[in-house]
N, C-alpha and C. Protein backbone atom coordinates (compact mmCIF):
# COMPACT_ATOMS: atom_id res chain seq x y z
N MET A 1 163.17 179.78 -102.81
CA MET A 1 162.05 180.01 -102.23
C MET A 1 161.12 178.62 -102.45
N THR A 2 160.63 178.23 -101.17
CA THR A 2 159.88 176.98 -101.02
C THR A 2 158.21 177.47 -101.28
N HIS A 3 157.90 176.50 -102.24
CA HIS A 3 156.29 176.54 -102.30
C HIS A 3 155.75 175.58 -101.43
N LYS A 4 154.73 175.98 -100.82
CA LYS A 4 153.83 175.26 -99.81
C LYS A 4 152.52 174.71 -100.63
N LYS A 5 152.21 173.36 -100.48
CA LYS A 5 151.20 172.79 -101.19
C LYS A 5 149.68 173.28 -100.56
N VAL A 6 149.14 173.54 -101.39
CA VAL A 6 147.65 174.08 -100.83
C VAL A 6 146.89 172.79 -101.13
N ALA A 7 145.91 172.67 -100.15
CA ALA A 7 144.88 171.66 -100.18
C ALA A 7 143.92 172.08 -101.15
N ALA A 8 143.45 171.21 -102.14
CA ALA A 8 142.09 171.48 -102.81
C ALA A 8 141.02 171.66 -102.15
N SER A 9 140.26 172.48 -102.63
CA SER A 9 138.64 172.52 -102.06
C SER A 9 137.87 171.47 -101.85
N VAL A 10 137.14 170.90 -101.33
CA VAL A 10 136.09 170.23 -101.03
C VAL A 10 135.59 169.61 -102.36
N GLU A 11 135.05 170.72 -103.26
CA GLU A 11 134.38 170.35 -104.26
C GLU A 11 135.10 169.98 -105.56
N PHE A 12 136.57 170.43 -105.67
CA PHE A 12 137.66 169.85 -106.33
C PHE A 12 138.17 168.65 -105.97
N SER A 13 137.98 167.72 -104.81
CA SER A 13 138.68 166.78 -104.30
C SER A 13 138.20 165.48 -105.74
N ASN A 14 138.95 164.75 -105.79
CA ASN A 14 139.07 163.46 -106.67
C ASN A 14 137.73 162.92 -106.64
N GLU A 15 137.25 162.47 -105.45
CA GLU A 15 135.79 162.11 -105.29
C GLU A 15 134.54 162.83 -105.91
N SER A 16 134.62 164.07 -105.58
CA SER A 16 133.86 165.20 -105.98
C SER A 16 133.59 165.20 -107.56
N VAL A 17 135.05 165.40 -108.17
CA VAL A 17 135.16 165.27 -109.41
C VAL A 17 134.82 164.14 -110.12
N ALA A 18 134.91 163.17 -109.69
CA ALA A 18 134.38 161.96 -110.09
C ALA A 18 132.98 161.83 -110.26
N ALA A 19 132.31 162.13 -108.82
CA ALA A 19 130.87 162.32 -108.98
C ALA A 19 130.30 163.21 -110.09
N GLU A 20 130.93 164.41 -110.21
CA GLU A 20 130.32 165.50 -111.10
C GLU A 20 130.35 164.79 -112.60
N LEU A 21 131.54 164.30 -112.94
CA LEU A 21 131.67 163.80 -114.24
C LEU A 21 130.57 162.74 -114.07
N ALA A 22 130.31 161.71 -113.25
CA ALA A 22 129.39 160.58 -113.57
C ALA A 22 128.21 161.53 -113.62
N ARG A 23 127.82 162.43 -112.86
CA ARG A 23 126.35 163.05 -113.17
C ARG A 23 125.87 163.40 -114.67
N GLN A 24 127.19 164.62 -114.93
CA GLN A 24 127.42 165.04 -116.26
C GLN A 24 127.02 164.00 -117.28
N GLY A 25 127.49 162.67 -117.36
CA GLY A 25 127.44 161.48 -118.17
C GLY A 25 126.41 160.76 -118.18
N GLN A 26 125.47 161.03 -117.18
CA GLN A 26 124.05 160.05 -117.41
C GLN A 26 123.69 160.02 -118.52
N GLY A 27 123.11 158.67 -118.87
CA GLY A 27 122.52 158.49 -119.78
C GLY A 27 123.51 158.11 -121.04
N GLY A 28 125.03 157.72 -120.83
CA GLY A 28 125.94 157.31 -121.51
C GLY A 28 126.37 158.35 -122.48
N ASP A 29 126.12 159.66 -121.86
CA ASP A 29 126.83 161.15 -122.88
C ASP A 29 128.30 161.14 -122.60
N PRO A 30 128.90 161.44 -123.34
CA PRO A 30 130.38 161.74 -123.17
C PRO A 30 130.59 162.84 -122.34
N VAL A 31 132.06 163.00 -121.67
CA VAL A 31 131.84 164.39 -120.75
C VAL A 31 133.28 164.77 -121.30
N GLY A 32 133.53 166.29 -121.11
CA GLY A 32 134.83 166.79 -121.36
C GLY A 32 135.10 167.31 -120.18
N ALA A 33 136.66 167.14 -119.91
CA ALA A 33 137.57 167.33 -118.81
C ALA A 33 138.93 168.15 -119.08
N GLN A 34 139.67 168.62 -118.28
CA GLN A 34 140.78 169.17 -118.45
C GLN A 34 141.97 168.38 -117.63
N ILE A 35 142.88 168.03 -117.89
CA ILE A 35 143.77 166.81 -117.14
C ILE A 35 144.91 168.35 -116.94
N PHE A 36 145.30 168.29 -115.57
CA PHE A 36 146.35 169.32 -115.33
C PHE A 36 147.36 168.24 -114.69
N PHE A 37 148.66 168.65 -115.27
CA PHE A 37 149.94 167.39 -114.77
C PHE A 37 150.75 168.12 -113.70
N GLU A 38 151.43 167.40 -113.14
CA GLU A 38 152.28 167.92 -111.98
C GLU A 38 153.47 168.74 -112.64
N GLU A 39 154.03 169.41 -111.95
CA GLU A 39 155.16 170.59 -112.44
C GLU A 39 156.46 169.64 -113.06
N GLY A 40 156.51 168.25 -112.47
CA GLY A 40 157.74 167.30 -112.60
C GLY A 40 157.62 166.82 -114.25
N VAL A 41 156.35 167.04 -114.69
CA VAL A 41 156.40 166.47 -116.07
C VAL A 41 157.00 167.35 -116.90
N ALA A 42 157.91 167.02 -118.29
CA ALA A 42 158.51 167.71 -118.97
C ALA A 42 157.46 168.32 -120.18
N ALA A 43 157.60 169.71 -120.49
CA ALA A 43 156.74 170.08 -121.31
C ALA A 43 156.80 169.58 -122.78
N GLU A 44 157.96 168.94 -123.03
CA GLU A 44 157.98 168.48 -124.52
C GLU A 44 157.70 166.91 -124.39
N SER A 45 157.28 166.67 -123.52
CA SER A 45 156.73 164.81 -123.33
C SER A 45 155.23 165.26 -122.59
N LEU A 46 154.68 166.19 -122.66
CA LEU A 46 153.26 166.32 -122.25
C LEU A 46 152.34 165.65 -122.91
N ASN A 47 152.54 165.81 -124.45
CA ASN A 47 151.53 165.00 -125.25
C ASN A 47 151.60 163.50 -124.98
N ASP A 48 152.82 163.01 -125.12
CA ASP A 48 153.16 161.37 -124.47
C ASP A 48 152.71 161.02 -123.38
N THR A 49 152.86 161.90 -122.23
CA THR A 49 152.47 161.76 -120.71
C THR A 49 150.62 161.63 -120.91
N ALA A 50 150.24 162.32 -121.47
CA ALA A 50 148.85 162.61 -121.40
C ALA A 50 148.04 161.35 -122.47
N SER A 51 148.81 160.88 -123.35
CA SER A 51 148.38 159.56 -124.17
C SER A 51 148.69 158.63 -123.28
N TYR A 52 149.77 158.26 -122.58
CA TYR A 52 150.13 157.43 -121.46
C TYR A 52 148.94 156.97 -120.40
N VAL A 53 148.71 158.53 -119.68
CA VAL A 53 147.75 158.24 -118.68
C VAL A 53 146.44 157.94 -118.78
N ILE A 54 146.05 158.51 -120.36
CA ILE A 54 144.70 158.14 -120.72
C ILE A 54 144.63 156.59 -120.77
N GLN A 55 145.56 156.10 -121.67
CA GLN A 55 145.66 154.48 -121.82
C GLN A 55 145.63 153.57 -120.61
N ALA A 56 146.47 154.22 -119.80
CA ALA A 56 146.50 153.49 -118.50
C ALA A 56 145.28 153.35 -117.77
N ALA A 57 144.57 154.72 -117.78
CA ALA A 57 143.21 154.61 -117.10
C ALA A 57 142.01 153.58 -117.98
N GLU A 58 142.31 153.94 -119.38
CA GLU A 58 141.22 152.64 -119.93
C GLU A 58 141.69 151.61 -119.93
N GLU A 59 142.90 151.15 -119.79
CA GLU A 59 143.32 149.49 -119.44
C GLU A 59 142.72 149.28 -117.91
N SER A 60 143.01 150.06 -117.11
CA SER A 60 142.52 149.64 -115.67
C SER A 60 141.07 149.30 -115.62
N LEU A 61 140.31 149.98 -116.21
CA LEU A 61 138.62 149.72 -116.32
C LEU A 61 138.30 148.79 -117.41
N GLY A 62 139.26 148.35 -118.35
CA GLY A 62 138.57 147.50 -119.58
C GLY A 62 137.81 148.25 -120.62
N ARG A 63 138.37 149.52 -120.74
CA ARG A 63 137.77 150.21 -121.87
C ARG A 63 138.42 151.00 -122.71
N PRO A 64 139.24 150.30 -123.55
CA PRO A 64 140.18 151.03 -124.49
C PRO A 64 139.53 151.98 -125.33
N GLY A 65 140.07 152.85 -125.65
CA GLY A 65 139.52 153.59 -126.88
C GLY A 65 138.42 154.75 -126.43
N SER A 66 138.08 154.53 -125.03
CA SER A 66 136.90 155.28 -124.58
C SER A 66 137.12 157.05 -124.40
N VAL A 67 138.14 157.07 -124.46
CA VAL A 67 138.55 158.70 -124.33
C VAL A 67 139.49 159.32 -125.14
N THR A 68 139.22 160.43 -125.86
CA THR A 68 139.64 161.05 -126.98
C THR A 68 140.74 162.44 -126.17
N LEU A 69 141.88 162.32 -126.65
CA LEU A 69 142.75 163.46 -126.10
C LEU A 69 142.49 164.40 -127.35
N GLY A 70 141.84 165.54 -126.61
CA GLY A 70 142.20 166.92 -127.51
C GLY A 70 143.29 167.63 -127.66
N LYS A 71 143.23 168.97 -127.20
CA LYS A 71 144.37 169.84 -127.33
C LYS A 71 145.17 169.86 -126.09
N VAL A 72 146.66 169.88 -126.17
CA VAL A 72 147.44 169.83 -125.37
C VAL A 72 148.23 171.12 -125.37
N ARG A 73 147.98 171.51 -123.92
CA ARG A 73 148.68 173.02 -124.08
C ARG A 73 149.92 173.04 -122.97
N THR A 74 151.04 173.18 -123.42
CA THR A 74 152.05 173.03 -122.78
C THR A 74 152.32 174.37 -121.68
N SER A 75 151.89 175.49 -122.22
CA SER A 75 151.80 176.50 -121.38
C SER A 75 151.08 176.46 -120.09
N ALA A 76 149.84 175.60 -120.07
CA ALA A 76 149.12 175.40 -118.93
C ALA A 76 149.48 173.94 -118.34
N MET A 77 150.38 173.28 -118.77
CA MET A 77 150.65 172.08 -118.59
C MET A 77 149.11 171.30 -118.09
N SER A 78 148.40 171.30 -119.27
CA SER A 78 147.26 170.67 -119.44
C SER A 78 146.90 170.15 -120.70
N ALA A 79 145.79 169.47 -120.68
CA ALA A 79 145.29 168.66 -122.03
C ALA A 79 143.86 168.58 -121.82
N SER A 80 143.13 168.57 -122.85
CA SER A 80 141.42 168.49 -122.71
C SER A 80 140.93 166.88 -123.56
N VAL A 81 140.12 166.43 -122.70
CA VAL A 81 139.97 165.19 -123.02
C VAL A 81 138.24 164.86 -123.04
N SER A 82 137.95 164.02 -123.83
CA SER A 82 136.31 163.84 -123.77
C SER A 82 136.14 162.32 -123.76
N GLY A 83 135.13 161.67 -123.33
CA GLY A 83 134.63 160.33 -123.31
C GLY A 83 133.97 160.15 -122.10
N ASP A 84 134.16 158.48 -122.02
CA ASP A 84 133.88 158.04 -120.71
C ASP A 84 134.20 158.71 -119.41
N PRO A 85 133.05 158.98 -118.42
CA PRO A 85 133.29 159.77 -117.23
C PRO A 85 134.12 158.90 -116.25
N GLU A 86 133.65 157.74 -116.20
CA GLU A 86 134.53 156.95 -115.39
C GLU A 86 136.01 156.56 -115.59
N VAL A 87 136.42 156.48 -116.68
CA VAL A 87 137.74 156.48 -117.34
C VAL A 87 138.37 157.90 -117.15
N ILE A 88 137.67 159.17 -117.59
CA ILE A 88 138.52 160.13 -116.76
C ILE A 88 138.60 160.47 -115.47
N ALA A 89 137.73 160.07 -114.49
CA ALA A 89 138.04 160.10 -113.30
C ALA A 89 139.18 159.35 -112.94
N ALA A 90 139.27 158.12 -113.23
CA ALA A 90 140.51 157.00 -113.05
C ALA A 90 141.93 157.67 -113.56
N ILE A 91 141.91 158.98 -114.50
CA ILE A 91 143.12 159.37 -114.77
C ILE A 91 143.45 160.10 -113.50
N GLN A 92 142.69 160.76 -112.57
CA GLN A 92 143.31 161.11 -111.35
C GLN A 92 144.05 160.43 -110.79
N ASN A 93 144.28 159.04 -110.71
CA ASN A 93 145.10 158.29 -109.98
C ASN A 93 146.31 158.23 -110.37
N SER A 94 146.87 158.94 -111.47
CA SER A 94 148.20 158.92 -112.19
C SER A 94 148.94 159.73 -111.21
N PRO A 95 150.13 159.23 -111.03
CA PRO A 95 151.06 160.34 -110.40
C PRO A 95 151.67 161.44 -111.24
N ALA A 96 151.17 161.41 -112.26
CA ALA A 96 151.67 162.46 -113.36
C ALA A 96 150.95 163.50 -113.17
N VAL A 97 149.49 163.15 -112.73
CA VAL A 97 148.24 164.17 -112.86
C VAL A 97 148.11 164.86 -111.39
N LYS A 98 148.04 166.27 -111.49
CA LYS A 98 147.88 167.07 -110.56
C LYS A 98 146.26 167.00 -109.97
N THR A 99 145.48 167.17 -111.18
CA THR A 99 144.03 167.44 -111.03
C THR A 99 143.42 167.33 -112.22
N VAL A 100 142.09 166.84 -112.39
CA VAL A 100 141.11 166.81 -113.37
C VAL A 100 140.20 167.60 -113.00
N LEU A 101 139.65 168.73 -114.07
CA LEU A 101 138.46 169.42 -113.70
C LEU A 101 137.30 169.15 -114.79
N PRO A 102 136.16 169.03 -114.44
CA PRO A 102 135.05 169.01 -115.59
C PRO A 102 135.11 170.15 -116.52
N ASN A 103 135.00 170.04 -117.70
CA ASN A 103 134.71 171.37 -118.35
C ASN A 103 133.48 172.11 -118.08
N GLN A 104 132.30 171.65 -117.56
CA GLN A 104 131.17 172.38 -117.21
C GLN A 104 131.26 172.24 -115.78
N ILE A 105 131.45 173.72 -115.18
CA ILE A 105 131.42 173.65 -113.83
C ILE A 105 130.26 174.63 -113.55
N ASP A 106 129.57 174.26 -112.41
CA ASP A 106 128.29 175.24 -112.04
C ASP A 106 129.02 176.71 -111.65
N ASP A 107 128.25 177.70 -111.95
CA ASP A 107 128.72 179.12 -111.89
C ASP A 107 129.05 179.36 -110.60
N ILE A 108 130.35 179.94 -110.03
CA ILE A 108 130.58 179.70 -108.42
C ILE A 108 130.09 181.31 -107.63
N LEU A 109 129.49 182.19 -108.54
CA LEU A 109 128.94 183.43 -108.08
C LEU A 109 127.75 182.88 -107.52
N PRO A 110 127.57 184.10 -106.52
CA PRO A 110 126.21 183.84 -105.60
C PRO A 110 125.04 184.10 -106.54
N LYS A 111 124.11 183.34 -106.38
CA LYS A 111 122.69 183.90 -107.17
C LYS A 111 121.78 184.76 -106.76
N PRO A 112 121.50 185.76 -107.23
CA PRO A 112 120.40 186.84 -106.57
C PRO A 112 119.24 185.93 -105.96
N GLN A 113 118.73 186.32 -105.04
CA GLN A 113 117.42 185.67 -104.11
C GLN A 113 116.42 186.79 -104.29
N GLY A 114 115.31 186.49 -104.49
CA GLY A 114 114.00 187.38 -104.27
C GLY A 114 113.95 188.66 -105.41
N ARG A 115 114.67 188.30 -106.50
CA ARG A 115 114.79 189.72 -107.52
C ARG A 115 114.27 189.22 -108.62
N LYS A 116 113.32 190.15 -109.27
CA LYS A 116 112.88 189.69 -110.40
C LYS A 116 113.66 189.97 -111.53
N ALA A 117 113.64 188.95 -112.90
CA ALA A 117 114.58 189.19 -113.76
C ALA A 117 114.08 190.39 -114.45
N LEU A 118 114.89 190.97 -115.29
CA LEU A 118 114.78 192.17 -116.18
C LEU A 118 114.08 191.79 -117.32
């Protein structure tokens, strides 16, 4: 069975994610995000891979120690991180990373218009 690669929606493009992380980190606040890894990354090396991509992104921007690795979930092939929004956005450039998503995402459901709150 062949899997077709699906294009990400515009709101989750690397540029949009970087802009959202920057918006959330205005004023120097740390931000949180989830890193999702490519299928080729072995589950048993996920923790080491996550540490490596964080360190590479920090070094590329000259900001060592600016991102903290949180929980690594092998079942979801993901890891949570917090820290510098620019460094987290730079993590997206790693070939081992499928995508990075901010922890805080605006509600995707339509908001009622012209209705009074109960």
